[in-house]
Amino acid sequence: MLQITNFSNNILTNINFHLQEGENLIILGSNGAGKSTLAKALCGILDSDSIELFQNKLHLLNAKNRAKLINYIPPKLEIFDEYISLKEYLELSKIYSEFSVDDILKLLNLDNLKDKACSKLSSGEQQLTMIASSLLHNAKHTIFDEPTANLDPQKTLKISKILASDKIQNRIIITHDLNLAYKLGYKVLYILDGEVEFFDSNEKFFETSNLDKLFGSSLKRIENYFVVNL
């Protein structure tokens, strides 16, 4: 269970929403709308007394208990040790998962890269590395910030299947990919200029009238796929 009540800062204004345990969420919005700022607030990077996780005030939790309840996966891998290998990085990521590092390496087809320095991985390989770290952390809620960015179609399909599986407990996914959002079928929060413009079911978000309101003529729907209307 996650609840945020009347959260505001210099970017976001009066943010309110609630997720029951087992509910997953897609966060959508234009560039600069405040999506990543919201994610950082939800995982405690930005201090606030407006957020509750499983009836615990987030800002009152110690680091260990907070790590058990929520984890944030950024859009880009940042490595401070240029020599640390992929396997070493994932060993440090393992906290609550029952999977072994070797299990996750095989699941994501990364085992042939296990001894390679993370700093030498391609952008797509780094994205898979962060997904692997989330599985090994295994927090109650995991926030993924653009999890399919920089991935080719095959890797995007693999990550989408993992995001839709029970390998992750509760998911909050920030994305610009409307096709991913639609296929996952999660509840949708849409942020416009720092405020909640929409928060409801996936079905209601993808109604034609709502898409026209939010995107106007810039979006074209072809059957159940969404493309830029060039």
C-alpha atoms as a PDB file:
ATOM      1  CA  MET A   1       0.000   0.000   0.000  1.00  0.00           C
ATOM      2  CA  LEU A   2       1.294   3.448  -0.969  1.00  0.00           C
ATOM      3  CA  GLN A   3      -0.293   6.825  -0.298  1.00  0.00           C
ATOM      4  CA  ILE A   4       0.856  10.353  -1.056  1.00  0.00           C
ATOM      5  CA  THR A   5      -1.135  13.249   0.357  1.00  0.00           C
ATOM      6  CA  ASN A   6      -0.899  16.914  -0.662  1.00  0.00           C
ATOM      7  CA  PHE A   7       2.730  16.730  -1.753  1.00  0.00           C
ATOM      8  CA  SER A   8       4.151  19.934  -3.206  1.00  0.00           C
ATOM      9  CA  ASN A   9       7.597  21.323  -3.948  1.00  0.00           C
ATOM     10  CA  ASN A  10       9.063  23.714  -6.490  1.00  0.00           C
ATOM     11  CA  ILE A  11       8.034  21.398  -9.361  1.00  0.00           C
ATOM     12  CA  LEU A  12       4.960  19.456  -8.195  1.00  0.00           C
ATOM     13  CA  THR A  13       1.717  20.860  -6.791  1.00  0.00           C
ATOM     14  CA  ASN A  14      -0.766  19.126  -4.492  1.00  0.00           C
ATOM     15  CA  ILE A  15      -0.072  15.526  -5.552  1.00  0.00           C
ATOM     16  CA  ASN A  16      -2.567  13.006  -4.176  1.00  0.00           C
ATOM     17  CA  PHE A  17      -3.061   9.350  -5.028  1.00  0.00           C
ATOM     18  CA  HIS A  18      -3.332   5.954  -3.369  1.00  0.00           C
ATOM     19  CA  LEU A  19      -2.351   2.429  -4.409  1.00  0.00           C
ATOM     20  CA  GLN A  20      -3.610  -0.727  -2.759  1.00  0.00           C
ATOM     21  CA  GLU A  21      -1.194  -3.604  -2.231  1.00  0.00           C
ATOM     22  CA  GLY A  22      -0.918  -5.500  -5.489  1.00  0.00           C
ATOM     23  CA  GLU A  23      -1.822  -2.479  -7.645  1.00  0.00           C
ATOM     24  CA  ASN A  24       0.734  -1.354 -10.200  1.00  0.00           C
ATOM     25  CA  LEU A  25       1.061   2.101 -11.720  1.00  0.00           C
ATOM     26  CA  ILE A  26       2.191   3.763 -14.937  1.00  0.00           C
ATOM     27  CA  ILE A  27       3.315   7.392 -14.624  1.00  0.00           C
ATOM     28  CA  LEU A  28       3.017   9.374 -17.853  1.00  0.00           C
ATOM     29  CA  GLY A  29       3.554  13.018 -18.746  1.00  0.00           C
ATOM     30  CA  SER A  30       5.467  15.352 -21.011  1.00  0.00           C
ATOM     31  CA  ASN A  31       9.163  16.146 -20.587  1.00  0.00           C
ATOM     32  CA  GLY A  32       9.696  18.285 -17.489  1.00  0.00           C
ATOM     33  CA  ALA A  33       6.240  17.548 -16.055  1.00  0.00           C
ATOM     34  CA  GLY A  34       7.706  16.243 -12.787  1.00  0.00           C
ATOM     35  CA  LYS A  35       7.621  12.460 -13.225  1.00  0.00           C
ATOM     36  CA  SER A  36      11.153  11.749 -12.009  1.00  0.00           C
ATOM     37  CA  THR A  37      10.768  14.311  -9.212  1.00  0.00           C
ATOM     38  CA  LEU A  38       7.696  12.406  -8.023  1.00  0.00           C
ATOM     39  CA  ALA A  39       9.623   9.123  -8.164  1.00  0.00           C
ATOM     40  CA  LYS A  40      12.420  10.567  -6.040  1.00  0.00           C
ATOM     41  CA  ALA A  41       9.896  11.785  -3.484  1.00  0.00           C
ATOM     42  CA  LEU A  42       8.212   8.368  -3.357  1.00  0.00           C
ATOM     43  CA  CYS A  43      11.454   6.578  -2.552  1.00  0.00           C
ATOM     44  CA  GLY A  44      12.727   9.101  -0.015  1.00  0.00           C
ATOM     45  CA  ILE A  45      15.447  10.813  -2.040  1.00  0.00           C
ATOM     46  CA  LEU A  46      13.432  13.998  -1.527  1.00  0.00           C
ATOM     47  CA  ASP A  47      12.449  14.322   2.117  1.00  0.00           C
ATOM     48  CA  SER A  48       8.710  14.602   2.780  1.00  0.00           C
ATOM     49  CA  ASP A  49       6.171  13.732   5.459  1.00  0.00           C
ATOM     50  CA  SER A  50       3.436  13.341   2.800  1.00  0.00           C
ATOM     51  CA  ILE A  51       4.141   9.716   1.897  1.00  0.00           C
ATOM     52  CA  GLU A  52       3.088   6.474   3.593  1.00  0.00           C
ATOM     53  CA  LEU A  53       4.213   2.961   2.729  1.00  0.00           C
ATOM     54  CA  PHE A  54       2.263   0.113   4.287  1.00  0.00           C
ATOM     55  CA  GLN A  55       0.996   2.507   6.993  1.00  0.00           C
ATOM     56  CA  ASN A  56       4.501   3.743   7.793  1.00  0.00           C
ATOM     57  CA  LYS A  57       5.537   7.361   7.281  1.00  0.00           C
ATOM     58  CA  LEU A  58       8.352   7.139   4.746  1.00  0.00           C
ATOM     59  CA  HIS A  59      10.501   9.861   6.304  1.00  0.00           C
ATOM     60  CA  LEU A  60      10.467   8.060   9.683  1.00  0.00           C
ATOM     61  CA  LEU A  61      11.779   4.742   8.330  1.00  0.00           C
ATOM     62  CA  ASN A  62      15.431   3.846   8.792  1.00  0.00           C
ATOM     63  CA  ALA A  63      17.473   2.975   5.710  1.00  0.00           C
ATOM     64  CA  LYS A  64      17.099  -0.798   6.148  1.00  0.00           C
ATOM     65  CA  ASN A  65      13.307  -0.757   6.430  1.00  0.00           C
ATOM     66  CA  ARG A  66      12.943   1.776   3.646  1.00  0.00           C
ATOM     67  CA  ALA A  67      15.057  -0.407   1.350  1.00  0.00           C
ATOM     68  CA  LYS A  68      12.740  -3.325   2.096  1.00  0.00           C
ATOM     69  CA  LEU A  69       9.678  -1.323   1.061  1.00  0.00           C
ATOM     70  CA  ILE A  70      10.775   0.734  -1.949  1.00  0.00           C
ATOM     71  CA  ASN A  71      13.526   0.906  -4.553  1.00  0.00           C
ATOM     72  CA  TYR A  72      14.180   3.418  -7.337  1.00  0.00           C
ATOM     73  CA  ILE A  73      15.768   2.359 -10.634  1.00  0.00           C
ATOM     74  CA  PRO A  74      17.013   5.481 -12.450  1.00  0.00           C
ATOM     75  CA  PRO A  75      16.960   5.929 -16.240  1.00  0.00           C
ATOM     76  CA  LYS A  76      20.744   5.721 -16.466  1.00  0.00           C
ATOM     77  CA  LEU A  77      23.311   3.539 -14.700  1.00  0.00           C
ATOM     78  CA  GLU A  78      25.830   5.561 -12.704  1.00  0.00           C
ATOM     79  CA  ILE A  79      28.994   3.718 -11.702  1.00  0.00           C
ATOM     80  CA  PHE A  80      31.525   5.341  -9.394  1.00  0.00           C
ATOM     81  CA  ASP A  81      34.047   2.498  -9.702  1.00  0.00           C
ATOM     82  CA  GLU A  82      34.994   2.184 -13.358  1.00  0.00           C
ATOM     83  CA  TYR A  83      36.524  -1.261 -12.758  1.00  0.00           C
ATOM     84  CA  ILE A  84      33.637  -2.993 -10.986  1.00  0.00           C
ATOM     85  CA  SER A  85      32.391  -5.955 -13.005  1.00  0.00           C
ATOM     86  CA  LEU A  86      28.774  -6.700 -13.807  1.00  0.00           C
ATOM     87  CA  LYS A  87      28.716  -9.682 -11.455  1.00  0.00           C
ATOM     88  CA  GLU A  88      30.316  -7.692  -8.623  1.00  0.00           C
ATOM     89  CA  TYR A  89      27.779  -4.903  -9.086  1.00  0.00           C
ATOM     90  CA  LEU A  90      24.886  -7.361  -8.939  1.00  0.00           C
ATOM     91  CA  GLU A  91      26.305  -9.067  -5.844  1.00  0.00           C
ATOM     92  CA  LEU A  92      26.134  -5.684  -4.124  1.00  0.00           C
ATOM     93  CA  SER A  93      22.535  -5.281  -5.347  1.00  0.00           C
ATOM     94  CA  LYS A  94      21.291  -8.524  -3.801  1.00  0.00           C
ATOM     95  CA  ILE A  95      19.266  -7.723  -0.678  1.00  0.00           C
ATOM     96  CA  TYR A  96      15.943  -9.556  -0.314  1.00  0.00           C
ATOM     97  CA  SER A  97      15.668 -11.732  -3.410  1.00  0.00           C
ATOM     98  CA  GLU A  98      15.654 -15.524  -3.296  1.00  0.00           C
ATOM     99  CA  PHE A  99      17.247 -15.564  -6.748  1.00  0.00           C
ATOM    100  CA  SER A 100      21.003 -15.926  -7.017  1.00  0.00           C
ATOM    101  CA  VAL A 101      23.103 -13.537  -9.079  1.00  0.00           C
ATOM    102  CA  ASP A 102      23.782 -16.373 -11.528  1.00  0.00           C
ATOM    103  CA  ASP A 103      20.027 -17.001 -11.885  1.00  0.00           C
ATOM    104  CA  ILE A 104      19.418 -13.369 -12.829  1.00  0.00           C
ATOM    105  CA  LEU A 105      22.374 -13.246 -15.207  1.00  0.00           C
ATOM    106  CA  LYS A 106      20.929 -16.233 -17.067  1.00  0.00           C
ATOM    107  CA  LEU A 107      17.380 -14.856 -17.008  1.00  0.00           C
ATOM    108  CA  LEU A 108      18.502 -11.663 -18.766  1.00  0.00           C
ATOM    109  CA  ASN A 109      21.087 -13.375 -21.009  1.00  0.00           C
ATOM    110  CA  LEU A 110      23.900 -11.441 -19.342  1.00  0.00           C
ATOM    111  CA  ASP A 111      26.014 -14.346 -18.134  1.00  0.00           C
ATOM    112  CA  ASN A 112      28.540 -13.895 -20.969  1.00  0.00           C
ATOM    113  CA  LEU A 113      29.138 -10.342 -19.696  1.00  0.00           C
ATOM    114  CA  LYS A 114      29.498 -11.110 -15.986  1.00  0.00           C
ATOM    115  CA  ASP A 115      33.240 -10.289 -15.857  1.00  0.00           C
ATOM    116  CA  LYS A 116      32.975  -7.153 -17.990  1.00  0.00           C
ATOM    117  CA  ALA A 117      33.333  -3.760 -16.309  1.00  0.00           C
ATOM    118  CA  CYS A 118      29.974  -2.017 -15.978  1.00  0.00           C
ATOM    119  CA  SER A 119      31.505   1.163 -17.378  1.00  0.00           C
ATOM    120  CA  LYS A 120      32.249  -0.723 -20.615  1.00  0.00           C
ATOM    121  CA  LEU A 121      28.706  -2.036 -21.126  1.00  0.00           C
ATOM    122  CA  SER A 122      26.582  -0.615 -23.912  1.00  0.00           C
ATOM    123  CA  SER A 123      23.623   1.589 -22.983  1.00  0.00           C
ATOM    124  CA  GLY A 124      21.242  -1.311 -23.618  1.00  0.00           C
ATOM    125  CA  GLU A 125      23.337  -3.676 -21.505  1.00  0.00           C
ATOM    126  CA  GLN A 126      23.425  -1.096 -18.711  1.00  0.00           C
ATOM    127  CA  GLN A 127      19.628  -0.866 -18.843  1.00  0.00           C
ATOM    128  CA  LEU A 128      19.387  -4.653 -18.434  1.00  0.00           C
ATOM    129  CA  THR A 129      21.870  -4.419 -15.568  1.00  0.00           C
ATOM    130  CA  MET A 130      19.554  -2.062 -13.689  1.00  0.00           C
ATOM    131  CA  ILE A 131      16.599  -4.394 -14.262  1.00  0.00           C
ATOM    132  CA  ALA A 132      18.743  -7.225 -12.902  1.00  0.00           C
ATOM    133  CA  SER A 133      19.614  -5.169  -9.820  1.00  0.00           C
ATOM    134  CA  SER A 134      15.913  -4.517  -9.137  1.00  0.00           C
ATOM    135  CA  LEU A 135      15.158  -8.246  -9.190  1.00  0.00           C
ATOM    136  CA  LEU A 136      17.972  -8.898  -6.730  1.00  0.00           C
ATOM    137  CA  HIS A 137      16.904  -6.058  -4.441  1.00  0.00           C
ATOM    138  CA  ASN A 138      13.258  -7.285  -4.468  1.00  0.00           C
ATOM    139  CA  ALA A 139      11.646  -4.381  -2.620  1.00  0.00           C
ATOM    140  CA  LYS A 140       7.889  -4.325  -1.989  1.00  0.00           C
ATOM    141  CA  HIS A 141       7.585  -1.426  -4.473  1.00  0.00           C
ATOM    142  CA  THR A 142      10.033  -0.818  -7.314  1.00  0.00           C
ATOM    143  CA  ILE A 143       9.989   2.420  -9.299  1.00  0.00           C
ATOM    144  CA  PHE A 144      11.378   2.045 -12.815  1.00  0.00           C
ATOM    145  CA  ASP A 145      12.289   5.296 -14.564  1.00  0.00           C
ATOM    146  CA  GLU A 146      12.152   4.670 -18.335  1.00  0.00           C
ATOM    147  CA  PRO A 147      13.022   0.936 -18.089  1.00  0.00           C
ATOM    148  CA  THR A 148      12.901   0.281 -21.847  1.00  0.00           C
ATOM    149  CA  ALA A 149      14.954   3.293 -22.938  1.00  0.00           C
ATOM    150  CA  ASN A 150      17.896   2.434 -25.235  1.00  0.00           C
ATOM    151  CA  LEU A 151      16.703  -1.140 -25.785  1.00  0.00           C
ATOM    152  CA  ASP A 152      16.300  -2.863 -29.139  1.00  0.00           C
ATOM    153  CA  PRO A 153      12.947  -4.588 -29.870  1.00  0.00           C
ATOM    154  CA  GLN A 154      14.059  -8.006 -28.592  1.00  0.00           C
ATOM    155  CA  LYS A 155      15.323  -6.617 -25.277  1.00  0.00           C
ATOM    156  CA  THR A 156      12.259  -4.392 -24.964  1.00  0.00           C
ATOM    157  CA  LEU A 157      10.041  -7.458 -25.309  1.00  0.00           C
ATOM    158  CA  LYS A 158      12.064  -9.346 -22.688  1.00  0.00           C
ATOM    159  CA  ILE A 159      11.907  -6.459 -20.193  1.00  0.00           C
ATOM    160  CA  SER A 160       8.184  -5.949 -20.833  1.00  0.00           C
ATOM    161  CA  LYS A 161       7.546  -9.600 -19.976  1.00  0.00           C
ATOM    162  CA  ILE A 162       9.550  -9.280 -16.762  1.00  0.00           C
ATOM    163  CA  LEU A 163       7.652  -6.115 -15.803  1.00  0.00           C
ATOM    164  CA  ALA A 164       4.388  -7.989 -16.345  1.00  0.00           C
ATOM    165  CA  SER A 165       5.498 -11.054 -14.361  1.00  0.00           C
ATOM    166  CA  ASP A 166       5.340 -11.912 -10.671  1.00  0.00           C
ATOM    167  CA  LYS A 167       9.123 -11.646 -10.337  1.00  0.00           C
ATOM    168  CA  ILE A 168       8.616  -8.062  -9.126  1.00  0.00           C
ATOM    169  CA  GLN A 169       6.230  -7.448  -6.237  1.00  0.00           C
ATOM    170  CA  ASN A 170       4.646  -4.038  -6.995  1.00  0.00           C
ATOM    171  CA  ARG A 171       5.666  -1.869  -9.935  1.00  0.00           C
ATOM    172  CA  ILE A 172       5.601   1.867 -10.602  1.00  0.00           C
ATOM    173  CA  ILE A 173       6.798   2.560 -14.139  1.00  0.00           C
ATOM    174  CA  ILE A 174       7.672   5.965 -15.571  1.00  0.00           C
ATOM    175  CA  THR A 175       7.605   5.880 -19.351  1.00  0.00           C
ATOM    176  CA  HIS A 176       6.867   7.813 -22.534  1.00  0.00           C
ATOM    177  CA  ASP A 177       5.999   4.546 -24.299  1.00  0.00           C
ATOM    178  CA  LEU A 178       2.218   4.497 -24.653  1.00  0.00           C
ATOM    179  CA  ASN A 179       2.320   1.048 -26.228  1.00  0.00           C
ATOM    180  CA  LEU A 180       4.101  -0.358 -23.174  1.00  0.00           C
ATOM    181  CA  ALA A 181       1.648   1.444 -20.880  1.00  0.00           C
ATOM    182  CA  TYR A 182      -1.332   0.049 -22.778  1.00  0.00           C
ATOM    183  CA  LYS A 183      -0.051  -3.529 -22.961  1.00  0.00           C
ATOM    184  CA  LEU A 184       0.821  -3.689 -19.253  1.00  0.00           C
ATOM    185  CA  GLY A 185      -2.689  -2.554 -18.361  1.00  0.00           C
ATOM    186  CA  TYR A 186      -1.717  -0.873 -15.078  1.00  0.00           C
ATOM    187  CA  LYS A 187      -3.476   2.078 -13.500  1.00  0.00           C
ATOM    188  CA  VAL A 188      -2.319   5.385 -15.013  1.00  0.00           C
ATOM    189  CA  LEU A 189      -1.211   8.645 -13.409  1.00  0.00           C
ATOM    190  CA  TYR A 190      -0.725  11.469 -15.909  1.00  0.00           C
ATOM    191  CA  ILE A 191       1.124  14.593 -14.779  1.00  0.00           C
ATOM    192  CA  LEU A 192       0.673  17.901 -16.589  1.00  0.00           C
ATOM    193  CA  ASP A 193       2.712  20.951 -15.563  1.00  0.00           C
ATOM    194  CA  GLY A 194       3.429  19.490 -12.132  1.00  0.00           C
ATOM    195  CA  GLU A 195      -0.165  18.555 -11.306  1.00  0.00           C
ATOM    196  CA  VAL A 196      -2.176  15.345 -11.523  1.00  0.00           C
ATOM    197  CA  GLU A 197      -4.271  15.634 -14.665  1.00  0.00           C
ATOM    198  CA  PHE A 198      -5.497  12.021 -14.682  1.00  0.00           C
ATOM    199  CA  PHE A 199      -5.493   9.139 -12.205  1.00  0.00           C
ATOM    200  CA  ASP A 200      -7.683   6.170 -13.015  1.00  0.00           C
ATOM    201  CA  SER A 201      -7.808   2.824 -14.767  1.00  0.00           C
ATOM    202  CA  ASN A 202      -5.839   1.934 -17.875  1.00  0.00           C
ATOM    203  CA  GLU A 203      -9.077   1.415 -19.769  1.00  0.00           C
ATOM    204  CA  LYS A 204     -10.328   4.937 -19.036  1.00  0.00           C
ATOM    205  CA  PHE A 205      -6.980   6.525 -19.861  1.00  0.00           C
ATOM    206  CA  PHE A 206      -6.929   4.981 -23.326  1.00  0.00           C
ATOM    207  CA  GLU A 207     -10.460   6.043 -24.222  1.00  0.00           C
ATOM    208  CA  THR A 208     -10.359   8.096 -27.405  1.00  0.00           C
ATOM    209  CA  SER A 209     -11.886  11.154 -25.757  1.00  0.00           C
ATOM    210  CA  ASN A 210      -9.202  11.202 -23.059  1.00  0.00           C
ATOM    211  CA  LEU A 211      -6.347  10.711 -25.533  1.00  0.00           C
ATOM    212  CA  ASP A 212      -7.710  13.553 -27.664  1.00  0.00           C
ATOM    213  CA  LYS A 213      -7.865  15.789 -24.591  1.00  0.00           C
ATOM    214  CA  LEU A 214      -4.273  15.057 -23.563  1.00  0.00           C
ATOM    215  CA  PHE A 215      -2.491  14.678 -26.903  1.00  0.00           C
ATOM    216  CA  GLY A 216      -4.742  16.361 -29.459  1.00  0.00           C
ATOM    217  CA  SER A 217      -3.788  15.627 -33.070  1.00  0.00           C
ATOM    218  CA  SER A 218      -0.198  14.589 -32.205  1.00  0.00           C
ATOM    219  CA  LEU A 219      -1.208  10.978 -31.506  1.00  0.00           C
ATOM    220  CA  LYS A 220      -2.631   8.426 -33.898  1.00  0.00           C
ATOM    221  CA  ARG A 221      -4.180   5.113 -32.874  1.00  0.00           C
ATOM    222  CA  ILE A 222      -3.898   2.203 -35.290  1.00  0.00           C
ATOM    223  CA  GLU A 223      -5.927  -0.681 -33.867  1.00  0.00           C
ATOM    224  CA  ASN A 224      -4.327  -0.986 -30.411  1.00  0.00           C
ATOM    225  CA  TYR A 225      -1.010   0.682 -31.224  1.00  0.00           C
ATOM    226  CA  PHE A 226      -0.110   4.343 -30.722  1.00  0.00           C
ATOM    227  CA  VAL A 227       2.157   6.321 -33.038  1.00  0.00           C
ATOM    228  CA  VAL A 228       3.092   9.964 -33.561  1.00  0.00           C
ATOM    229  CA  ASN A 229       0.763  11.451 -36.166  1.00  0.00           C
ATOM    230  CA  LEU A 230       3.423  12.811 -38.531  1.00  0.00           C
END
